């Protein structure tokens, strides 16, 4: 069959590779599987339930929930009747919800639990166009999503006529980008936008034996959502993690063949592994760091001789096998996106036979623009890979990355002037990222165009590059480079406090509190040495001259990180203006 709309993936899976675990979730501590047929029957019933409510083509419906099968049921049911989903992060404020409700004019909202229902209810006050709010959990006196399913189960409405009315160029979803300043913009994505991307990713991942996946990145973000459509296309079972804290347990239970992630989570896995290595003693500790050093020298694209290969094989048997067990034991692919991945991190995971493929894109590009392949010829650590099939990339005169292809959004909802700012008359989307082509085929992102700044000496500083180098230290959890208009760049540093505690124990320093320890002269000197190691890799004008250690990490909840864990620089600068000023006062 020909796939032209996202909901066609259900029929395609049934015809080509029906599975018993299309979607799986833990209810009351036990995994429940929904087969291909289960999903089709539920989605058809919910589509009919929506029609009985009077929902029409192009009507908007909100989803506010963590990952679970009900999210997909509502999404796919809306698609079949030509309605549009408006997914939202569970972590945003009622004020943010209200803006999205008003801008999209949505008619219904699905909220996961009591807490989210209350936030959504508050946001909908005074908005007469919001007709009802449904929940995914069973709540007292609140409509449950299953009411729609039950309403449609005994209905005989022929859905085929509604499906035929949906074209590949119809709007399928409206995704509001979190942004770092101002109100979010509604990104309009069509069936063809997202489906073309899911199919292009499948052409990239020609790895055999991908059977199960673990999903924990938010479904409201297009990276994870397109990944789920790819899983439907390939007949890969999707298991939803219980929460971020339970990922380790769920990996061991599910034993997935792949998952998608953001670099921050890989950094945490690595830091936790190294921290455990630090706790070892004697020969075990020596072996651990011998393996680690071997791994850092790994180069997938270059032969390093029989002796190195023998040692690495031994290291994989003795040490790295435990790393693979920690991620379930079956991992064939980890796809990383959303932010820059440290090359050092990718290298060590590859050496441990845990392949990490870095991808690049934006919500506006559905999301993929480029993606490293598994084969050696199309994979280069330190880059985000070649362009996806069907996507063109070019570098503008000022270094900005431009993209063109079937994945480019329809535009920003209700904002034609904003759309014109990013999509030029020739159809090129301006990403806002600075990049370069390596070896004529691999895209390398060097920074955000808007985040680059100039020192008083006239030198341009690319903060992301420096920050990623700083975070290669296991002692540094977060870093933000500052210095716009100043004589030199400085940095705000959030220590990895677990690693710091280990270091203090090793040095015989009594640990009191995070806020007290960062004032200790010996600890300040330790971080100065860590910064010095990174500085060795920078040009003279890029070197960090002064840093401030901070006692608390930046979080999504306090507004200093976006939902995909990018720095909200303006907010952090405002919150720490005194600390930044102290860098340049002397």
Protein backbone atom coordinates (compact mmCIF):
# COMPACT_ATOMS: atom_id res chain seq x y z
CA UNK A 1 0.00 0.00 0.00
CA UNK A 2 1.05 3.60 -0.57
CA UNK A 3 1.78 5.61 2.55
CA UNK A 4 0.72 9.25 2.18
CA UNK A 5 -0.74 10.16 5.58
CA UNK A 6 0.48 9.35 9.07
CA UNK A 7 -2.52 7.24 10.05
CA UNK A 8 -1.77 4.98 7.04
CA UNK A 9 1.04 3.60 9.20
CA UNK A 10 -1.49 1.51 11.14
CA UNK A 11 -2.75 -0.31 8.05
CA UNK A 12 0.82 -0.58 6.78
CA UNK A 13 1.95 -2.24 10.01
CA UNK A 14 -1.00 -4.65 9.93
CA UNK A 15 -0.24 -5.67 6.33
CA UNK A 16 3.54 -5.93 6.62
CA UNK A 17 4.54 -6.77 10.19
CA UNK A 18 1.73 -6.94 12.78
CA UNK A 19 3.12 -7.15 16.32
CA UNK A 20 1.77 -7.91 19.77
CA UNK A 21 3.34 -4.84 21.41
CA UNK A 22 2.77 -1.82 19.16
CA UNK A 23 2.44 0.26 22.34
CA UNK A 24 3.20 -0.90 25.90
CA UNK A 25 2.86 0.82 29.25
CA UNK A 26 3.07 -0.06 32.95
CA UNK A 27 -0.29 0.15 34.70
CA UNK A 28 -0.17 -0.55 38.45
CA UNK A 29 3.31 -2.03 38.17
CA UNK A 30 2.55 -4.43 35.28
CA UNK A 31 3.30 -4.03 31.56
CA UNK A 32 0.24 -4.01 29.31
CA UNK A 33 0.73 -4.57 25.58
CA UNK A 34 -1.51 -3.23 22.82
CA UNK A 35 -1.15 -5.23 19.59
CA UNK A 36 -1.47 -3.81 16.07
CA UNK A 37 -5.12 -4.92 15.96
CA UNK A 38 -5.80 -3.53 19.45
CA UNK A 39 -4.48 -0.11 18.42
CA UNK A 40 -6.46 -0.05 15.16
CA UNK A 41 -9.71 -0.99 16.93
CA UNK A 42 -9.23 1.58 19.72
CA UNK A 43 -8.23 4.36 17.32
CA UNK A 44 -11.21 3.68 15.05
CA UNK A 45 -13.59 3.74 18.02
CA UNK A 46 -12.14 7.04 19.30
CA UNK A 47 -12.36 8.57 15.79
CA UNK A 48 -16.08 7.71 15.72
CA UNK A 49 -16.44 9.08 19.24
CA UNK A 50 -14.93 12.39 18.09
CA UNK A 51 -17.34 12.52 15.14
CA UNK A 52 -20.29 12.01 17.51
CA UNK A 53 -19.00 15.01 19.51
CA UNK A 54 -19.27 17.05 16.32
CA UNK A 55 -15.52 17.43 15.76
CA UNK A 56 -14.72 18.45 12.20
CA UNK A 57 -11.76 18.55 9.83
CA UNK A 58 -9.12 21.10 10.92
CA UNK A 59 -10.59 21.45 14.44
CA UNK A 60 -7.85 21.63 17.10
CA UNK A 61 -7.53 19.34 20.15
CA UNK A 62 -4.91 19.68 22.89
CA UNK A 63 -2.93 16.87 24.58
CA UNK A 64 -1.18 17.54 27.90
CA UNK A 65 0.37 14.32 29.17
CA UNK A 66 3.54 12.35 29.68
CA UNK A 67 4.16 9.43 27.30
CA UNK A 68 1.55 6.68 27.33
CA UNK A 69 -0.51 4.75 24.73
CA UNK A 70 -3.56 6.97 25.26
CA UNK A 71 -1.50 9.86 23.84
CA UNK A 72 -1.13 7.92 20.58
CA UNK A 73 -4.75 6.78 20.53
CA UNK A 74 -5.99 10.37 20.62
CA UNK A 75 -3.35 11.57 18.14
CA UNK A 76 -4.09 8.89 15.54
CA UNK A 77 -7.87 9.11 16.02
CA UNK A 78 -7.75 12.85 15.31
CA UNK A 79 -5.65 12.26 12.19
CA UNK A 80 -8.20 9.88 10.67
CA UNK A 81 -10.91 12.54 10.64
CA UNK A 82 -8.62 15.39 9.57
CA UNK A 83 -8.55 17.12 12.99
CA UNK A 84 -5.35 18.67 14.33
CA UNK A 85 -3.51 17.76 17.54
CA UNK A 86 -1.94 20.49 19.68
CA UNK A 87 0.52 18.73 22.01
CA UNK A 88 1.85 20.65 25.02
CA UNK A 89 4.53 20.03 27.63
CA UNK A 90 3.20 18.99 31.05
CA UNK A 91 5.80 21.30 32.66
CA UNK A 92 4.61 24.68 31.33
CA UNK A 93 2.48 27.17 33.30
CA UNK A 94 -1.29 27.83 33.11
CA UNK A 95 -0.39 31.18 31.53
CA UNK A 96 1.48 29.35 28.73
CA UNK A 97 -1.44 26.97 28.25
CA UNK A 98 -3.88 29.86 28.02
CA UNK A 99 -1.82 31.54 25.29
CA UNK A 100 -1.77 28.30 23.26
CA UNK A 101 -5.49 27.68 23.83
CA UNK A 102 -6.34 31.18 22.60
CA UNK A 103 -3.93 31.16 19.66
CA UNK A 104 -5.00 27.74 18.39
CA UNK A 105 -8.70 28.05 19.28
CA UNK A 106 -8.76 24.39 20.37
CA UNK A 107 -12.08 22.75 21.26
CA UNK A 108 -11.05 19.92 23.57
CA UNK A 109 -8.11 19.10 25.82
CA UNK A 110 -6.84 15.76 27.16
CA UNK A 111 -4.96 16.04 30.46
CA UNK A 112 -3.19 13.09 32.03
CA UNK A 113 -3.94 13.39 35.76
CA UNK A 114 -5.46 15.58 38.46
CA UNK A 115 -2.52 17.97 38.63
CA UNK A 116 -2.52 18.61 34.89
CA UNK A 117 -6.31 18.72 34.76
CA UNK A 118 -6.27 21.50 37.37
CA UNK A 119 -3.68 23.50 35.38
CA UNK A 120 -5.61 23.07 32.14
CA UNK A 121 -8.91 23.91 33.85
CA UNK A 122 -7.43 27.12 35.22
CA UNK A 123 -6.02 28.05 31.81
CA UNK A 124 -9.40 27.48 30.13
CA UNK A 125 -11.37 29.75 32.45
CA UNK A 126 -13.28 32.34 30.42
CA UNK A 127 -12.55 30.58 27.11
CA UNK A 128 -15.99 29.60 25.77
CA UNK A 129 -14.54 27.76 22.76
CA UNK A 130 -12.98 25.07 25.01
CA UNK A 131 -15.91 22.65 25.13
CA UNK A 132 -14.56 19.97 27.48
CA UNK A 133 -11.48 18.56 29.22
CA UNK A 134 -10.90 14.79 29.39
CA UNK A 135 -8.44 12.89 31.56
CA UNK A 136 -6.32 9.79 30.95
CA UNK A 137 -6.32 8.75 34.63
CA UNK A 138 -9.59 7.87 36.37
CA UNK A 139 -10.57 11.02 38.28
CA UNK A 140 -13.70 11.81 40.26
CA UNK A 141 -16.43 13.62 38.30
CA UNK A 142 -14.12 14.31 35.33
CA UNK A 143 -14.79 12.89 31.84
CA UNK A 144 -12.45 10.00 31.02
CA UNK A 145 -11.01 9.45 27.53
CA UNK A 146 -12.55 5.96 27.44
CA UNK A 147 -15.99 7.58 27.19
CA UNK A 148 -15.10 8.53 23.61
CA UNK A 149 -13.94 5.00 22.88
CA UNK A 150 -17.12 3.50 24.31
CA UNK A 151 -19.24 6.04 22.44
CA UNK A 152 -17.67 4.99 19.14
CA UNK A 153 -17.45 1.22 19.67
CA UNK A 154 -21.05 0.54 18.73
CA UNK A 155 -21.17 3.21 16.06
CA UNK A 156 -21.27 2.10 12.40
CA UNK A 157 -20.03 5.34 10.79
CA UNK A 158 -17.82 4.55 7.78
CA UNK A 159 -14.46 6.14 8.52
CA UNK A 160 -13.13 5.59 4.99
CA UNK A 161 -14.92 8.65 3.65
CA UNK A 162 -13.34 10.81 6.33
CA UNK A 163 -9.90 9.31 5.70
CA UNK A 164 -10.18 9.95 1.96
CA UNK A 165 -10.86 13.61 2.65
CA UNK A 166 -7.45 13.96 4.37
CA UNK A 167 -4.61 14.86 1.98
CA UNK A 168 -0.84 14.59 2.51
CA UNK A 169 -0.60 18.40 2.60
CA UNK A 170 -3.25 18.79 5.31
CA UNK A 171 -2.19 20.09 8.70
CA UNK A 172 -1.70 17.20 11.14
CA UNK A 173 -0.29 18.96 14.19
CA UNK A 174 0.38 22.38 15.63
CA UNK A 175 3.46 22.36 17.86
CA UNK A 176 4.26 25.43 19.93
CA UNK A 177 8.00 25.90 20.25
CA UNK A 178 9.09 26.69 23.79
CA UNK A 179 11.55 29.36 22.63
CA UNK A 180 13.90 31.29 24.88
CA UNK A 181 12.10 34.64 24.75
CA UNK A 182 8.55 35.89 24.10
CA UNK A 183 5.43 33.88 23.31
CA UNK A 184 5.82 30.53 21.57
CA UNK A 185 5.14 30.16 17.85
CA UNK A 186 2.80 27.48 16.51
CA UNK A 187 4.69 25.34 13.99
CA UNK A 188 2.34 23.93 11.33
CA UNK A 189 3.36 20.45 10.21
CA UNK A 190 1.56 18.40 7.56
CA UNK A 191 1.17 14.65 7.16
CA UNK A 192 3.74 14.75 4.36
CA UNK A 193 6.22 16.79 6.43
CA UNK A 194 6.38 14.25 9.24
CA UNK A 195 5.85 11.07 7.21
CA UNK A 196 8.63 11.99 4.76
CA UNK A 197 10.95 12.38 7.74
CA UNK A 198 9.98 9.07 9.37
CA UNK A 199 10.54 7.24 6.06
CA UNK A 200 13.87 9.02 5.47
CA UNK A 201 15.07 7.98 8.94
CA UNK A 202 14.12 4.39 8.09
CA UNK A 203 16.36 4.57 5.01
CA UNK A 204 19.16 5.71 7.35
CA UNK A 205 18.73 2.99 9.93
CA UNK A 206 19.31 -0.13 7.88
CA UNK A 207 20.29 -1.98 11.05
CA UNK A 208 18.80 -5.46 11.33
CA UNK A 209 17.05 -6.74 14.41
CA UNK A 210 15.49 -3.54 15.77
CA UNK A 211 12.47 -5.03 17.49
CA UNK A 212 11.79 -3.05 20.68
CA UNK A 213 12.31 0.57 21.72
CA UNK A 214 12.11 2.43 25.02
CA UNK A 215 10.51 5.87 24.80
CA UNK A 216 11.11 8.56 27.42
CA UNK A 217 11.67 11.85 25.58
CA UNK A 218 8.41 13.85 25.56
CA UNK A 219 5.96 12.87 22.81
CA UNK A 220 4.91 16.52 22.60
CA UNK A 221 8.35 17.19 21.06
CA UNK A 222 8.60 16.30 17.37
CA UNK A 223 11.88 14.36 17.81
CA UNK A 224 10.26 11.60 19.86
CA UNK A 225 6.98 11.78 18.00
CA UNK A 226 8.56 11.27 14.57
CA UNK A 227 10.59 8.45 16.13
CA UNK A 228 7.33 6.74 17.16
CA UNK A 229 6.01 7.04 13.59
CA UNK A 230 9.28 5.47 12.42
CA UNK A 231 8.71 2.63 14.91
CA UNK A 232 5.19 2.09 13.52
CA UNK A 233 6.65 2.00 10.00
CA UNK A 234 9.31 -0.54 10.89
CA UNK A 235 7.15 -2.71 13.17
CA UNK A 236 9.12 -1.82 16.30
CA UNK A 237 7.32 -2.13 19.64
CA UNK A 238 7.23 1.08 21.69
CA UNK A 239 7.58 0.71 25.46
CA UNK A 240 6.96 3.89 27.43
CA UNK A 241 9.26 4.41 30.42
CA UNK A 242 7.52 5.05 33.73
CA UNK A 243 9.47 8.27 34.34
CA UNK A 244 13.01 9.63 34.10
CA UNK A 245 13.98 8.16 37.47
CA UNK A 246 12.91 4.67 36.38
CA UNK A 247 14.72 4.66 33.00
CA UNK A 248 17.52 2.46 34.36
CA UNK A 249 15.05 -0.13 35.67
CA UNK A 250 12.91 -0.01 32.52
CA UNK A 251 15.96 -0.51 30.27
CA UNK A 252 16.77 -3.72 32.12
CA UNK A 253 13.11 -4.90 32.01
CA UNK A 254 12.39 -4.10 28.37
CA UNK A 255 15.90 -4.77 26.97
CA UNK A 256 15.24 -2.47 23.98
CA UNK A 257 17.16 -2.53 20.72
CA UNK A 258 17.15 1.25 20.44
CA UNK A 259 16.03 4.50 22.00
CA UNK A 260 16.26 8.21 21.28
CA UNK A 261 17.79 10.61 23.75
CA UNK A 262 19.25 14.04 24.33
CA UNK A 263 22.99 14.36 25.11
CA UNK A 264 22.30 15.43 28.70
CA UNK A 265 20.96 11.97 29.58
CA UNK A 266 23.95 10.25 27.96
CA UNK A 267 26.22 12.56 29.98
CA UNK A 268 24.44 11.47 33.16
CA UNK A 269 24.79 7.77 32.27
CA UNK A 270 28.51 8.26 31.61
CA UNK A 271 29.06 10.30 34.79
CA UNK A 272 27.28 7.63 36.85
CA UNK A 273 29.44 4.88 35.33
CA UNK A 274 32.66 6.84 36.00
CA UNK A 275 31.52 7.58 39.57
CA UNK A 276 31.10 3.83 40.15
CA UNK A 277 34.55 3.29 38.67
CA UNK A 278 35.99 5.78 41.16
CA UNK A 279 34.56 3.69 44.00
CA UNK A 280 36.52 0.61 42.91
CA UNK A 281 39.84 -0.29 44.51
CA UNK A 282 43.00 -2.13 43.54
CA UNK A 283 43.15 -4.11 40.31
CA UNK A 284 39.45 -3.55 39.54
CA UNK A 285 39.92 0.21 39.55
CA UNK A 286 43.07 -0.05 37.44
CA UNK A 287 41.25 -2.22 34.88
CA UNK A 288 38.30 0.19 34.76
CA UNK A 289 40.44 3.22 33.92
CA UNK A 290 42.61 1.18 31.54
CA UNK A 291 39.44 0.36 29.59
CA UNK A 292 38.28 3.98 29.77
CA UNK A 293 41.56 5.26 28.36
CA UNK A 294 41.42 2.68 25.56
CA UNK A 295 37.88 3.77 24.74
CA UNK A 296 38.83 7.43 24.44
CA UNK A 297 41.44 6.50 21.80
CA UNK A 298 38.88 4.63 19.69
CA UNK A 299 38.42 5.74 16.08
CA UNK A 300 35.76 3.91 14.11
CA UNK A 301 37.08 5.23 10.81
CA UNK A 302 40.74 4.35 11.32
CA UNK A 303 42.54 1.02 11.86
CA UNK A 304 44.69 1.12 15.01
CA UNK A 305 46.47 -2.18 14.74
CA UNK A 306 46.08 -5.69 16.08
CA UNK A 307 47.40 -4.93 19.58
CA UNK A 308 44.87 -2.13 20.14
CA UNK A 309 42.04 -4.30 18.75
CA UNK A 310 43.02 -7.15 21.08
CA UNK A 311 43.08 -4.84 24.12
CA UNK A 312 39.72 -3.30 23.20
CA UNK A 313 38.18 -6.75 22.76
CA UNK A 314 39.44 -7.65 26.24
CA UNK A 315 38.16 -4.35 27.68
CA UNK A 316 34.74 -5.06 26.16
CA UNK A 317 34.65 -8.47 27.77
CA UNK A 318 35.83 -7.37 31.22
CA UNK A 319 34.48 -3.83 31.62
CA UNK A 320 32.26 -2.54 28.81
CA UNK A 321 29.98 -5.60 28.95
CA UNK A 322 28.68 -4.17 32.24
CA UNK A 323 27.97 -0.85 30.47
CA UNK A 324 25.87 -2.70 27.89
CA UNK A 325 23.99 -4.50 30.67
CA UNK A 326 23.18 -1.12 32.23
CA UNK A 327 21.34 -0.08 29.04
CA UNK A 328 19.49 -3.38 28.72
CA UNK A 329 22.06 -5.58 27.01
CA UNK A 330 20.53 -5.43 23.51
CA UNK A 331 21.16 -1.88 22.32
CA UNK A 332 21.93 -1.68 18.61
CA UNK A 333 21.31 2.05 18.13
CA UNK A 334 20.96 5.16 20.29
CA UNK A 335 19.81 8.22 18.32
CA UNK A 336 20.88 11.50 19.94
CA UNK A 337 19.45 14.90 19.09
CA UNK A 338 18.12 18.16 20.51
CA UNK A 339 21.57 19.53 21.42
CA UNK A 340 25.24 19.03 20.61
CA UNK A 341 26.74 15.69 21.64
CA UNK A 342 30.30 15.74 22.98
CA UNK A 343 32.50 13.83 20.46
CA UNK A 344 34.40 12.37 23.42
CA UNK A 345 31.16 10.88 24.73
CA UNK A 346 30.14 9.40 21.37
CA UNK A 347 33.62 7.87 21.00
CA UNK A 348 33.57 6.10 24.37
CA UNK A 349 30.09 4.65 23.78
CA UNK A 350 31.06 3.37 20.33
CA UNK A 351 34.17 1.75 21.81
CA UNK A 352 31.89 -0.03 24.29
CA UNK A 353 29.80 -1.39 21.39
CA UNK A 354 26.94 0.99 22.18
CA UNK A 355 26.47 2.82 18.85
CA UNK A 356 25.35 6.45 19.22
CA UNK A 357 24.19 8.23 16.07
CA UNK A 358 23.89 12.00 16.29
CA UNK A 359 21.09 13.71 14.38
CA UNK A 360 20.17 17.33 13.77
CA UNK A 361 17.00 19.26 13.06
CA UNK A 362 14.32 21.55 14.45
CA UNK A 363 10.60 21.42 15.13
CA UNK A 364 10.18 23.40 11.90
CA UNK A 365 11.89 20.59 9.94
CA UNK A 366 9.79 17.68 11.30
CA UNK A 367 12.55 17.43 12.81
CA UNK A 368 15.33 15.76 10.81
CA UNK A 369 17.73 17.60 8.53
CA UNK A 370 20.76 15.34 8.86
CA UNK A 371 21.60 12.06 10.56
CA UNK A 372 24.70 9.91 10.90
CA UNK A 373 24.29 6.44 9.39
CA UNK A 374 25.47 3.20 10.95
CA UNK A 375 27.87 2.33 8.12
CA UNK A 376 31.39 3.77 8.36
CA UNK A 377 31.22 5.72 5.11
CA UNK A 378 28.27 7.82 6.29
CA UNK A 379 29.17 8.29 9.96
CA UNK A 380 31.62 10.79 11.39
CA UNK A 381 31.80 11.49 15.12
CA UNK A 382 31.80 15.23 15.83
CA UNK A 383 29.30 15.90 13.03
CA UNK A 384 25.53 15.48 12.72
CA UNK A 385 25.93 13.39 9.59
CA UNK A 386 24.91 13.72 5.95
CA UNK A 387 21.57 15.17 4.85
CA UNK A 388 18.58 12.87 5.17
CA UNK A 389 17.27 11.45 1.86
CA UNK A 390 15.20 14.12 0.08
CA UNK A 391 16.66 16.99 2.15
CA UNK A 392 19.07 19.58 0.75
CA UNK A 393 21.55 21.53 2.88
CA UNK A 394 23.58 24.60 2.03
CA UNK A 395 25.70 26.99 4.07
CA UNK A 396 24.91 30.70 3.63
CA UNK A 397 27.65 33.32 3.26
CA UNK A 398 27.41 34.18 6.96
CA UNK A 399 27.72 30.49 7.94
CA UNK A 400 24.03 29.87 8.64
CA UNK A 401 22.70 26.40 7.84
CA UNK A 402 19.84 26.42 5.31
CA UNK A 403 17.62 23.44 4.48
CA UNK A 404 15.05 22.58 1.84
CA UNK A 405 12.86 19.52 1.40
CA UNK A 406 9.48 17.87 2.06
CA UNK A 407 10.15 18.10 5.80
CA UNK A 408 9.98 21.92 5.97
CA UNK A 409 6.95 23.21 7.89
CA UNK A 410 3.95 24.89 6.30
CA UNK A 411 4.71 27.97 8.41
CA UNK A 412 3.94 29.56 11.77
CA UNK A 413 0.25 29.57 12.68
CA UNK A 414 -1.33 33.01 12.35
CA UNK A 415 2.12 34.57 11.81
CA UNK A 416 2.88 34.96 8.06
CA UNK A 417 5.46 37.68 8.76
CA UNK A 418 7.39 35.37 11.10
CA UNK A 419 7.18 32.61 8.49
CA UNK A 420 8.66 34.93 5.85
CA UNK A 421 11.58 35.67 8.17
CA UNK A 422 12.70 32.02 8.17
CA UNK A 423 11.56 30.62 4.79
CA UNK A 424 12.93 32.66 1.88
CA UNK A 425 11.38 33.08 -1.59
CA UNK A 426 13.35 30.09 -2.91
CA UNK A 427 11.98 27.80 -0.19
CA UNK A 428 15.14 27.59 1.94
CA UNK A 429 14.51 27.36 5.67
CA UNK A 430 16.96 29.43 7.72
CA UNK A 431 17.79 27.36 10.80
CA UNK A 432 19.49 30.04 12.90
CA UNK A 433 22.40 27.64 13.43
CA UNK A 434 25.96 28.21 12.27
CA UNK A 435 27.65 25.26 10.60
CA UNK A 436 30.07 23.92 8.05
CA UNK A 437 30.40 20.90 5.78
CA UNK A 438 33.18 18.43 6.64
CA UNK A 439 34.67 16.36 3.80
CA UNK A 440 31.98 17.83 1.56
CA UNK A 441 29.17 15.70 3.02
CA UNK A 442 28.99 15.80 6.83
CA UNK A 443 27.24 18.72 8.52
CA UNK A 444 28.91 20.12 11.62
CA UNK A 445 27.00 22.59 13.82
CA UNK A 446 29.26 25.09 15.55
CA UNK A 447 26.76 27.37 17.32
CA UNK A 448 23.45 29.20 17.35
CA UNK A 449 23.59 32.33 15.21
CA UNK A 450 21.83 34.41 17.87
CA UNK A 451 23.98 33.06 20.71
CA UNK A 452 27.34 34.06 19.26
CA UNK A 453 28.73 37.25 20.77
CA UNK A 454 31.65 39.57 20.28
CA UNK A 455 34.25 40.57 22.87
CA UNK A 456 35.37 44.18 23.22
CA UNK A 457 38.42 43.17 21.18
CA UNK A 458 36.16 42.35 18.22
CA UNK A 459 36.53 38.56 18.40
CA UNK A 460 33.46 36.36 17.90
CA UNK A 461 32.82 33.75 20.59
CA UNK A 462 30.78 30.59 19.90
CA UNK A 463 29.59 29.67 23.42
CA UNK A 464 28.16 26.19 22.73
CA UNK A 465 31.47 24.87 21.45
CA UNK A 466 33.29 26.10 24.57
CA UNK A 467 30.54 24.87 26.91
CA UNK A 468 30.66 21.36 25.45
CA UNK A 469 34.43 21.23 25.92
CA UNK A 470 34.05 22.37 29.53
CA UNK A 471 31.43 19.67 30.18
CA UNK A 472 33.86 16.99 29.06
CA UNK A 473 35.15 17.23 32.63
CA UNK A 474 33.27 14.79 34.86
CA UNK A 475 33.40 17.50 37.55
CA UNK A 476 31.25 19.90 35.51
CA UNK A 477 27.52 19.28 35.08
CA UNK A 478 26.50 22.55 33.43
CA UNK A 479 28.29 25.55 31.97
CA UNK A 480 27.30 28.85 30.39
CA UNK A 481 29.84 31.12 28.72
CA UNK A 482 29.38 34.89 29.17
CA UNK A 483 31.27 37.98 28.05
CA UNK A 484 29.33 39.87 25.39
CA UNK A 485 31.19 43.19 24.93
CA UNK A 486 33.73 42.30 27.62
CA UNK A 487 37.52 41.91 27.34
CA UNK A 488 37.39 38.12 27.72
CA UNK A 489 34.90 35.24 28.07
CA UNK A 490 34.00 33.98 31.53
CA UNK A 491 31.73 31.14 32.61
CA UNK A 492 29.06 30.18 35.11
CA UNK A 493 29.74 26.61 36.24
CA UNK A 494 27.40 24.16 37.97
CA UNK A 495 29.56 21.39 39.45
CA UNK A 496 28.66 17.72 39.25
CA UNK A 497 28.13 17.50 42.99
CA UNK A 498 28.16 13.70 43.10
CA UNK A 499 31.60 13.69 41.45
CA UNK A 500 32.68 16.50 43.77
CA UNK A 501 31.69 14.46 46.83
CA UNK A 502 33.75 11.53 45.54
CA UNK A 503 36.73 13.82 44.96
CA UNK A 504 36.44 15.31 48.46
CA UNK A 505 36.29 11.84 50.01
CA UNK A 506 39.37 10.82 48.03
CA UNK A 507 41.21 13.96 49.21
CA UNK A 508 40.07 13.62 52.82
CA UNK A 509 37.96 16.80 52.75
CA UNK A 510 34.89 16.83 54.98
CA UNK A 511 31.82 17.59 52.84
CA UNK A 512 29.34 20.00 54.45
CA UNK A 513 26.90 21.38 51.84
CA UNK A 514 27.02 22.18 48.13
CA UNK A 515 26.84 25.93 48.76
CA UNK A 516 29.67 25.80 51.32
CA UNK A 517 31.99 23.50 49.39
CA UNK A 518 32.09 25.70 46.26
CA UNK A 519 33.71 28.41 48.42
CA UNK A 520 36.54 26.12 49.55
CA UNK A 521 39.92 27.21 48.14
CA UNK A 522 41.02 23.65 47.33
CA UNK A 523 37.82 23.04 45.37
CA UNK A 524 38.11 26.35 43.53
CA UNK A 525 41.68 25.39 42.60
CA UNK A 526 40.46 21.97 41.39
CA UNK A 527 37.93 23.61 39.07
CA UNK A 528 40.55 26.09 37.86
CA UNK A 529 42.64 23.08 36.80
CA UNK A 530 39.65 21.53 35.01
CA UNK A 531 39.01 24.82 33.17
CA UNK A 532 42.72 24.97 32.32
CA UNK A 533 42.56 21.56 30.60
CA UNK A 534 39.70 22.78 28.40
CA UNK A 535 41.46 26.10 27.72
CA UNK A 536 44.36 24.20 26.14
CA UNK A 537 42.02 23.40 23.23
CA UNK A 538 40.88 27.00 22.63
CA UNK A 539 42.32 29.94 20.72
CA UNK A 540 43.80 32.66 22.96
CA UNK A 541 40.70 34.90 22.66
CA UNK A 542 38.37 31.94 23.51
CA UNK A 543 40.10 30.96 26.76
CA UNK A 544 37.96 31.24 29.90
CA UNK A 545 39.73 33.68 32.20
CA UNK A 546 37.39 33.60 35.19
CA UNK A 547 34.54 31.39 36.44
CA UNK A 548 31.86 31.44 39.11
CA UNK A 549 30.75 28.18 40.74
CA UNK A 550 27.01 27.95 41.40
CA UNK A 551 25.33 25.89 44.15
CA UNK A 552 22.26 24.77 42.19
CA UNK A 553 21.58 23.30 38.75
CA UNK A 554 19.42 25.11 36.22
CA UNK A 555 16.05 23.42 35.66
CA UNK A 556 13.00 23.51 33.41
CA UNK A 557 10.83 24.20 36.46
CA UNK A 558 12.61 27.43 37.41
CA UNK A 559 12.49 28.63 33.80
CA UNK A 560 16.23 28.50 33.12
CA UNK A 561 16.08 25.57 30.67
CA UNK A 562 13.74 24.90 27.77
CA UNK A 563 11.77 21.65 27.82
CA UNK A 564 14.48 20.03 25.67
CA UNK A 565 17.11 21.15 28.22
CA UNK A 566 18.63 24.02 26.21
CA UNK A 567 19.89 27.03 28.17
CA UNK A 568 17.60 30.06 28.39
CA UNK A 569 20.56 32.41 28.33
CA UNK A 570 18.69 35.69 28.85
CA UNK A 571 16.92 34.35 31.93
CA UNK A 572 20.10 32.84 33.40
CA UNK A 573 21.95 36.10 32.74
CA UNK A 574 19.18 38.04 34.53
CA UNK A 575 19.08 35.62 37.47
CA UNK A 576 22.87 35.73 37.92
CA UNK A 577 23.62 39.31 36.89
CA UNK A 578 25.54 40.00 40.12
CA UNK A 579 27.69 36.89 39.72
CA UNK A 580 28.42 37.78 36.08
CA UNK A 581 29.24 41.36 37.08
CA UNK A 582 31.74 40.04 39.64
CA UNK A 583 33.65 38.28 36.84
CA UNK A 584 34.40 41.64 35.23
CA UNK A 585 34.55 43.98 38.24
CA UNK A 586 38.26 43.58 38.89
